[in-house]
Amino acid sequence: MIKEDERIDDLQLKGYKIIQKKDGFCFGMDAVLVANYLKTKRNDIVVDLGTGTGIIPLIVNAKNDLKKIYAIEIQKEMAEMTERTIKLNRLEDKIEVINIDLKDSLEYLDKNRIDIVVSNPPYMSIGEGLVNETDMKKVSRHEIKCNIDDICRVASALLRHNGHFFMVHRPSRLADIITNLRKYKLEPKEMRFVYPKIERESNLVLIKAIKAARPELRLLKPLIVYNQKGDYTDEIREIYGLDY
């Protein structure tokens, strides 16, 4: 089931487990936060653009009664590992991994039919920051295979009228994000900024957009990760399902 360079982690969520690389790309708090920020209705169909390890589909499926989740991942090795995670949790009937470039999504999924699209995309533009030494980390964190424009364009094409798009990204890219959302008729409706500590600058932003909606943007209360003692705040502990 797992390879020598892999490990199985317990998500402490409905008994779900996830296969990850020991020294490779692993899911982070950003993916967990956007998966919990996402709101669904019963029997919704969800698409995760750039699923990586598959953490978002696992969390979303565990907490919602959905019809289907399509997990799209361009990296063959990552997609194959995620497929094994899905089989490990016996979720083949609920989550389907599609190993394609997300820009080719409409060749596999119907246009204007998806209820929810979610994405935790690469944050760094080409030339920004330190480039990781491995291809897997490089593609996961830098806009090599896709960028904000690609994500917004594909999300809009997949979503039905008034379908919802959820994304987590860096506040430093907010101007690019809003520009591209509106370019593809995805109206930003909510934003929630995430702060490592209350006195620090925000390092993440959670965004909800609705296809073909009227303009009206709400800024939700900040989400603080650590308290003054350096421990997780109550809200973060609740999100992770940690005991007090």
Protein backbone atom coordinates (compact mmCIF):
# COMPACT_ATOMS: atom_id res chain seq x y z
CA MET A 1 0.00 0.00 0.00
CA ILE A 2 2.82 2.43 0.79
CA LYS A 3 6.35 2.86 -0.54
CA GLU A 4 9.59 3.11 1.41
CA ASP A 5 9.66 6.93 1.16
CA GLU A 6 6.05 7.30 2.32
CA ARG A 7 4.17 7.29 5.62
CA ILE A 8 0.54 6.98 6.70
CA ASP A 9 -0.80 9.76 8.91
CA ASP A 10 -3.98 9.56 10.99
CA LEU A 11 -6.24 12.58 10.31
CA GLN A 12 -8.26 11.98 13.50
CA LEU A 13 -11.37 12.55 11.40
CA LYS A 14 -13.84 9.70 10.93
CA GLY A 15 -10.91 7.32 11.05
CA TYR A 16 -9.48 8.68 7.79
CA LYS A 17 -5.80 8.25 7.03
CA ILE A 18 -3.60 9.90 4.42
CA ILE A 19 -0.47 8.75 2.61
CA GLN A 20 2.30 11.34 2.37
CA LYS A 21 5.94 11.56 1.43
CA LYS A 22 8.34 11.36 4.36
CA ASP A 23 10.55 14.11 2.96
CA GLY A 24 8.35 15.47 0.18
CA PHE A 25 5.43 17.85 -0.14
CA CYS A 26 2.88 17.42 2.68
CA PHE A 27 -0.38 19.21 3.26
CA GLY A 28 -0.31 22.35 5.38
CA MET A 29 -2.65 24.41 7.52
CA ASP A 30 -3.78 26.43 4.49
CA ALA A 31 -5.43 23.35 2.96
CA VAL A 32 -7.10 22.44 6.26
CA LEU A 33 -8.42 25.98 6.68
CA VAL A 34 -9.94 26.25 3.21
CA ALA A 35 -11.49 22.79 3.52
CA ASN A 36 -13.21 23.91 6.72
CA TYR A 37 -14.13 27.32 5.28
CA LEU A 38 -15.96 25.67 2.41
CA LYS A 39 -19.75 25.41 2.80
CA THR A 40 -21.83 22.81 0.93
CA LYS A 41 -25.37 21.58 0.49
CA ARG A 42 -26.52 17.97 0.46
CA ASN A 43 -25.60 16.10 -2.74
CA ASP A 44 -23.36 18.87 -4.06
CA ILE A 45 -20.71 18.02 -6.64
CA VAL A 46 -17.30 19.44 -5.78
CA VAL A 47 -14.11 19.85 -7.80
CA ASP A 48 -10.71 20.38 -6.15
CA LEU A 49 -8.28 22.01 -8.57
CA GLY A 50 -4.75 20.86 -7.75
CA THR A 51 -5.59 18.38 -5.01
CA GLY A 52 -2.01 17.48 -4.08
CA THR A 53 -2.18 14.83 -1.36
CA GLY A 54 -5.99 14.83 -1.44
CA ILE A 55 -6.37 16.41 1.98
CA ILE A 56 -9.14 18.83 0.94
CA PRO A 57 -11.44 16.13 -0.53
CA LEU A 58 -10.91 13.97 2.57
CA ILE A 59 -11.87 16.73 5.00
CA VAL A 60 -14.76 18.02 2.88
CA ASN A 61 -16.18 14.51 2.42
CA ALA A 62 -15.87 13.73 6.13
CA LYS A 63 -17.83 16.82 7.15
CA ASN A 64 -20.46 16.99 4.40
CA ASP A 65 -23.03 14.76 2.67
CA LEU A 66 -21.86 15.14 -0.92
CA LYS A 67 -22.66 13.38 -4.16
CA LYS A 68 -19.14 13.39 -5.62
CA ILE A 69 -15.74 15.05 -5.34
CA TYR A 70 -13.39 15.22 -8.30
CA ALA A 71 -9.76 15.67 -7.26
CA ILE A 72 -7.66 17.01 -10.13
CA GLU A 73 -3.88 16.70 -9.96
CA ILE A 74 -1.31 17.18 -12.74
CA GLN A 75 1.60 15.35 -11.08
CA LYS A 76 1.38 11.64 -11.87
CA GLU A 77 3.21 10.47 -8.75
CA MET A 78 1.11 12.68 -6.50
CA ALA A 79 -2.15 11.61 -8.17
CA GLU A 80 -1.23 7.92 -7.85
CA MET A 81 -0.42 8.39 -4.16
CA THR A 82 -3.75 10.18 -3.62
CA GLU A 83 -5.59 7.34 -5.36
CA ARG A 84 -4.06 4.91 -2.88
CA THR A 85 -5.21 7.17 -0.03
CA ILE A 86 -8.76 7.09 -1.40
CA LYS A 87 -8.67 3.28 -1.60
CA LEU A 88 -7.17 3.06 1.89
CA ASN A 89 -10.23 4.91 3.21
CA ARG A 90 -12.67 3.03 0.91
CA LEU A 91 -13.94 6.24 -0.64
CA GLU A 92 -13.76 5.25 -4.32
CA ASP A 93 -17.50 5.87 -4.74
CA LYS A 94 -17.22 9.41 -3.33
CA ILE A 95 -13.85 10.78 -4.46
CA GLU A 96 -12.38 10.38 -7.95
CA VAL A 97 -8.80 11.39 -8.71
CA ILE A 98 -8.21 12.71 -12.22
CA ASN A 99 -4.55 12.90 -13.28
CA ILE A 100 -4.65 15.80 -15.76
CA ASP A 101 -3.57 19.38 -16.21
CA LEU A 102 -6.38 21.38 -14.56
CA LYS A 103 -6.51 23.53 -17.70
CA ASP A 104 -7.89 20.43 -19.47
CA SER A 105 -10.69 19.93 -16.92
CA LEU A 106 -13.47 20.59 -19.42
CA GLU A 107 -12.36 17.58 -21.45
CA TYR A 108 -13.37 15.38 -18.50
CA LEU A 109 -16.07 17.34 -16.67
CA ASP A 110 -19.21 19.05 -17.94
CA LYS A 111 -19.23 22.81 -18.32
CA ASN A 112 -21.54 24.89 -16.09
CA ARG A 113 -22.58 21.86 -13.98
CA ILE A 114 -20.41 21.90 -10.83
CA ASP A 115 -21.81 23.22 -7.55
CA ILE A 116 -18.52 24.04 -5.81
CA VAL A 117 -14.92 24.47 -6.92
CA VAL A 118 -12.14 24.75 -4.36
CA SER A 119 -8.43 25.36 -4.76
CA ASN A 120 -5.27 25.71 -2.71
CA PRO A 121 -3.09 26.77 -5.65
CA PRO A 122 0.62 27.53 -5.91
CA TYR A 123 1.20 30.91 -4.25
CA MET A 124 4.46 32.07 -5.78
CA SER A 125 4.81 33.57 -9.22
CA ILE A 126 7.76 32.56 -11.38
CA GLY A 127 10.91 34.20 -10.03
CA GLU A 128 9.43 34.82 -6.58
CA GLY A 129 11.00 33.23 -3.52
CA LEU A 130 13.32 30.25 -3.26
CA VAL A 131 12.61 27.51 -5.78
CA ASN A 132 12.39 24.10 -4.11
CA GLU A 133 14.91 21.45 -4.99
CA THR A 134 12.41 18.78 -6.03
CA ASP A 135 9.99 19.01 -8.94
CA MET A 136 7.06 17.96 -6.74
CA LYS A 137 7.59 20.79 -4.26
CA LYS A 138 8.39 23.22 -7.09
CA VAL A 139 5.13 22.56 -8.94
CA SER A 140 3.11 22.60 -5.71
CA ARG A 141 4.38 26.00 -4.59
CA HIS A 142 5.29 27.95 -7.74
CA GLU A 143 3.09 28.95 -10.69
CA ILE A 144 4.86 26.63 -13.12
CA LYS A 145 1.90 24.58 -14.36
CA CYS A 146 -0.91 27.03 -13.56
CA ASN A 147 -1.49 30.56 -12.29
CA ILE A 148 -4.32 32.61 -10.79
CA ASP A 149 -5.77 33.33 -14.23
CA ASP A 150 -5.90 29.60 -15.06
CA ILE A 151 -7.56 28.73 -11.74
CA CYS A 152 -10.25 31.42 -12.05
CA ARG A 153 -10.95 30.69 -15.72
CA VAL A 154 -11.39 26.96 -15.18
CA ALA A 155 -13.41 27.41 -11.98
CA SER A 156 -15.82 29.75 -13.75
CA ALA A 157 -16.22 27.42 -16.72
CA LEU A 158 -16.99 24.44 -14.47
CA LEU A 159 -19.40 26.18 -12.10
CA ARG A 160 -23.13 26.37 -12.61
CA HIS A 161 -24.89 29.76 -12.36
CA ASN A 162 -24.47 30.95 -8.74
CA GLY A 163 -22.01 28.14 -8.04
CA HIS A 164 -19.44 28.83 -5.32
CA PHE A 165 -15.66 29.08 -5.60
CA PHE A 166 -13.43 28.83 -2.51
CA MET A 167 -9.71 29.55 -2.47
CA VAL A 168 -6.88 30.16 -0.03
CA HIS A 169 -3.97 32.34 -1.11
CA ARG A 170 -1.48 34.97 -0.02
CA PRO A 171 -2.73 38.51 0.77
CA SER A 172 0.14 39.87 -1.32
CA ARG A 173 -1.59 38.46 -4.43
CA LEU A 174 -4.99 39.96 -3.59
CA ALA A 175 -5.02 42.52 -6.40
CA ASP A 176 -4.29 39.78 -8.95
CA ILE A 177 -6.93 37.53 -7.39
CA ILE A 178 -9.77 40.06 -7.46
CA THR A 179 -8.87 41.18 -10.99
CA ASN A 180 -9.00 37.62 -12.30
CA LEU A 181 -12.11 36.64 -10.35
CA ARG A 182 -14.08 39.46 -11.91
CA LYS A 183 -12.52 38.83 -15.31
CA TYR A 184 -14.26 35.44 -15.29
CA LYS A 185 -17.53 36.59 -13.65
CA LEU A 186 -16.67 35.22 -10.22
CA GLU A 187 -17.79 37.89 -7.80
CA PRO A 188 -15.81 37.98 -4.51
CA LYS A 189 -18.39 37.79 -1.72
CA GLU A 190 -16.39 36.97 1.42
CA MET A 191 -12.83 37.27 2.62
CA ARG A 192 -11.27 36.18 5.87
CA PHE A 193 -7.69 37.08 6.68
CA VAL A 194 -5.57 34.63 8.67
CA TYR A 195 -2.92 35.89 11.10
CA PRO A 196 -0.18 33.78 12.71
CA LYS A 197 -0.59 35.94 15.85
CA ILE A 198 -2.77 38.95 16.57
CA GLU A 199 0.20 41.36 16.39
CA ARG A 200 1.59 39.90 13.15
CA GLU A 201 0.70 40.66 9.54
CA SER A 202 -1.76 38.38 7.75
CA ASN A 203 -0.09 35.57 5.78
CA LEU A 204 -3.19 33.88 4.31
CA VAL A 205 -6.58 34.93 3.01
CA LEU A 206 -9.66 32.74 2.57
CA ILE A 207 -11.92 33.81 -0.29
CA LYS A 208 -15.43 32.90 -1.39
CA ALA A 209 -16.71 33.97 -4.80
CA ILE A 210 -20.03 33.28 -6.51
CA LYS A 211 -20.48 32.96 -10.25
CA ALA A 212 -22.59 35.75 -11.79
CA ALA A 213 -23.47 37.25 -8.40
CA ARG A 214 -24.08 40.92 -7.61
CA PRO A 215 -21.20 42.92 -6.12
CA GLU A 216 -21.09 42.93 -2.31
CA LEU A 217 -17.99 41.96 -0.38
CA ARG A 218 -18.00 41.04 3.32
CA LEU A 219 -14.84 40.97 5.40
CA LEU A 220 -15.21 38.34 8.09
CA LYS A 221 -13.54 38.55 11.49
CA PRO A 222 -9.83 37.68 11.47
CA LEU A 223 -8.72 34.10 12.14
CA ILE A 224 -5.83 34.00 14.61
CA VAL A 225 -3.70 30.84 14.64
CA TYR A 226 -1.64 31.22 17.84
CA ASN A 227 -2.45 32.96 21.12
CA GLN A 228 -0.02 34.98 23.21
CA LYS A 229 1.30 31.81 24.87
CA GLY A 230 2.20 30.31 21.50
CA ASP A 231 -0.59 27.71 21.62
CA TYR A 232 -3.31 27.20 19.04
CA THR A 233 -6.33 29.45 19.57
CA ASP A 234 -9.66 27.86 20.48
CA GLU A 235 -10.94 28.18 16.91
CA ILE A 236 -7.89 26.48 15.40
CA ARG A 237 -8.13 23.69 17.99
CA GLU A 238 -11.79 23.21 17.05
CA ILE A 239 -10.92 23.09 13.34
CA TYR A 240 -8.29 20.43 13.97
CA GLY A 241 -10.52 18.53 16.40
CA LEU A 242 -7.96 18.78 19.20
CA ASP A 243 -8.88 17.94 22.77
CA TYR A 244 -8.62 20.70 25.33
